C-alpha cells in the first residue's frame, strides 16, 4: 500500500506523472491524465489515505513504486 500523502504532494506527483489540473468539478476537483478524468479528494487538513491513493494509482496506470519515486 502507498504511504499517505498531503493534498499538495499528491498534486505535485500527478503533475510529474503527466497529468494536468486540478480543475473544478461538480463536488470534487479532477485532473486530466492520459485522456481520462481522475477525481481527487477535496483539500482538507489531513493526509490522503492509502486506499484512495491506490485507486488513483490504478487509474493513471503506473505502479506504486513509480508513484513513490515521483
C-alpha atoms as a PDB file:
ATOM      1  CA  UNK A   1       0.000   0.000   0.000  1.00  0.00           C
ATOM      2  CA  UNK A   2       1.228   3.514  -0.742  1.00  0.00           C
ATOM      3  CA  UNK A   3       2.064   5.826   2.134  1.00  0.00           C
ATOM      4  CA  UNK A   4      -0.405   8.636   2.928  1.00  0.00           C
ATOM      5  CA  UNK A   5       0.472  11.975   1.305  1.00  0.00           C
ATOM      6  CA  UNK A   6      -0.763  15.535   1.645  1.00  0.00           C
ATOM      7  CA  UNK A   7      -3.038  17.089  -0.985  1.00  0.00           C
ATOM      8  CA  UNK A   8      -0.222  19.337  -2.182  1.00  0.00           C
ATOM      9  CA  UNK A   9       2.187  16.390  -2.552  1.00  0.00           C
ATOM     10  CA  UNK A  10      -0.471  14.389  -4.453  1.00  0.00           C
ATOM     11  CA  UNK A  11      -0.945  17.205  -6.975  1.00  0.00           C
ATOM     12  CA  UNK A  12       2.819  17.511  -7.401  1.00  0.00           C
ATOM     13  CA  UNK A  13       3.174  13.759  -8.047  1.00  0.00           C
ATOM     14  CA  UNK A  14       0.262  13.719 -10.505  1.00  0.00           C
ATOM     15  CA  UNK A  15       1.783  16.585 -12.487  1.00  0.00           C
ATOM     16  CA  UNK A  16       5.093  14.740 -12.634  1.00  0.00           C
ATOM     17  CA  UNK A  17       3.180  11.729 -13.971  1.00  0.00           C
ATOM     18  CA  UNK A  18       1.902  13.873 -16.858  1.00  0.00           C
ATOM     19  CA  UNK A  19      -1.481  14.968 -15.529  1.00  0.00           C
ATOM     20  CA  UNK A  20      -2.868  18.480 -15.874  1.00  0.00           C
ATOM     21  CA  UNK A  21      -5.040  20.323 -13.402  1.00  0.00           C
ATOM     22  CA  UNK A  22      -6.600  20.312 -10.903  1.00  0.00           C
ATOM     23  CA  UNK A  23      -9.801  21.572 -12.442  1.00  0.00           C
ATOM     24  CA  UNK A  24     -13.107  22.355 -10.764  1.00  0.00           C
ATOM     25  CA  UNK A  25     -15.729  19.646 -10.962  1.00  0.00           C
ATOM     26  CA  UNK A  26     -19.211  19.355  -9.524  1.00  0.00           C
ATOM     27  CA  UNK A  27     -18.350  18.395  -5.940  1.00  0.00           C
ATOM     28  CA  UNK A  28     -14.697  17.383  -6.290  1.00  0.00           C
ATOM     29  CA  UNK A  29     -11.754  18.565  -8.307  1.00  0.00           C
ATOM     30  CA  UNK A  30     -10.243  16.386 -11.026  1.00  0.00           C
ATOM     31  CA  UNK A  31      -7.054  16.096 -13.034  1.00  0.00           C
ATOM     32  CA  UNK A  32      -6.826  15.125 -16.685  1.00  0.00           C
ATOM     33  CA  UNK A  33      -4.388  12.318 -17.276  1.00  0.00           C
ATOM     34  CA  UNK A  34      -3.929  10.337 -20.487  1.00  0.00           C
ATOM     35  CA  UNK A  35      -7.339  11.260 -21.817  1.00  0.00           C
ATOM     36  CA  UNK A  36      -9.360  10.471 -18.687  1.00  0.00           C
ATOM     37  CA  UNK A  37     -10.640  12.450 -15.712  1.00  0.00           C
ATOM     38  CA  UNK A  38      -9.387  11.353 -12.336  1.00  0.00           C
ATOM     39  CA  UNK A  39     -11.407  12.666  -9.420  1.00  0.00           C
ATOM     40  CA  UNK A  40      -9.309  13.717  -6.454  1.00  0.00           C
ATOM     41  CA  UNK A  41     -10.349  14.421  -2.879  1.00  0.00           C
ATOM     42  CA  UNK A  42     -11.009  17.971  -1.791  1.00  0.00           C
ATOM     43  CA  UNK A  43      -8.152  19.627   0.097  1.00  0.00           C
ATOM     44  CA  UNK A  44      -8.516  19.098   3.839  1.00  0.00           C
ATOM     45  CA  UNK A  45      -6.141  19.337   6.759  1.00  0.00           C
ATOM     46  CA  UNK A  46      -5.317  15.626   6.862  1.00  0.00           C
ATOM     47  CA  UNK A  47      -3.336  13.397   4.520  1.00  0.00           C
ATOM     48  CA  UNK A  48      -4.917  11.365   1.733  1.00  0.00           C
ATOM     49  CA  UNK A  49      -5.104   7.738   2.787  1.00  0.00           C
ATOM     50  CA  UNK A  50      -3.657   4.674   1.084  1.00  0.00           C
ATOM     51  CA  UNK A  51      -6.986   3.307  -0.217  1.00  0.00           C
ATOM     52  CA  UNK A  52      -7.765   6.454  -2.199  1.00  0.00           C
ATOM     53  CA  UNK A  53      -4.156   6.701  -3.396  1.00  0.00           C
ATOM     54  CA  UNK A  54      -4.316   3.103  -4.610  1.00  0.00           C
ATOM     55  CA  UNK A  55      -7.418   3.920  -6.694  1.00  0.00           C
ATOM     56  CA  UNK A  56      -5.726   6.953  -8.220  1.00  0.00           C
ATOM     57  CA  UNK A  57      -2.546   4.970  -8.990  1.00  0.00           C
ATOM     58  CA  UNK A  58      -4.548   2.273 -10.764  1.00  0.00           C
ATOM     59  CA  UNK A  59      -6.416   4.884 -12.823  1.00  0.00           C
ATOM     60  CA  UNK A  60      -3.240   6.593 -14.042  1.00  0.00           C
ATOM     61  CA  UNK A  61      -1.801   3.158 -14.837  1.00  0.00           C
ATOM     62  CA  UNK A  62       1.531   3.297 -13.018  1.00  0.00           C
ATOM     63  CA  UNK A  63       2.970   1.085 -10.294  1.00  0.00           C
ATOM     64  CA  UNK A  64       3.063   2.032  -6.630  1.00  0.00           C
ATOM     65  CA  UNK A  65       6.864   2.059  -6.816  1.00  0.00           C
ATOM     66  CA  UNK A  66       6.766   4.557  -9.703  1.00  0.00           C
ATOM     67  CA  UNK A  67       4.300   6.719  -7.774  1.00  0.00           C
ATOM     68  CA  UNK A  68       6.534   6.729  -4.690  1.00  0.00           C
ATOM     69  CA  UNK A  69       9.509   7.817  -6.823  1.00  0.00           C
ATOM     70  CA  UNK A  70       7.703  10.773  -8.438  1.00  0.00           C
END
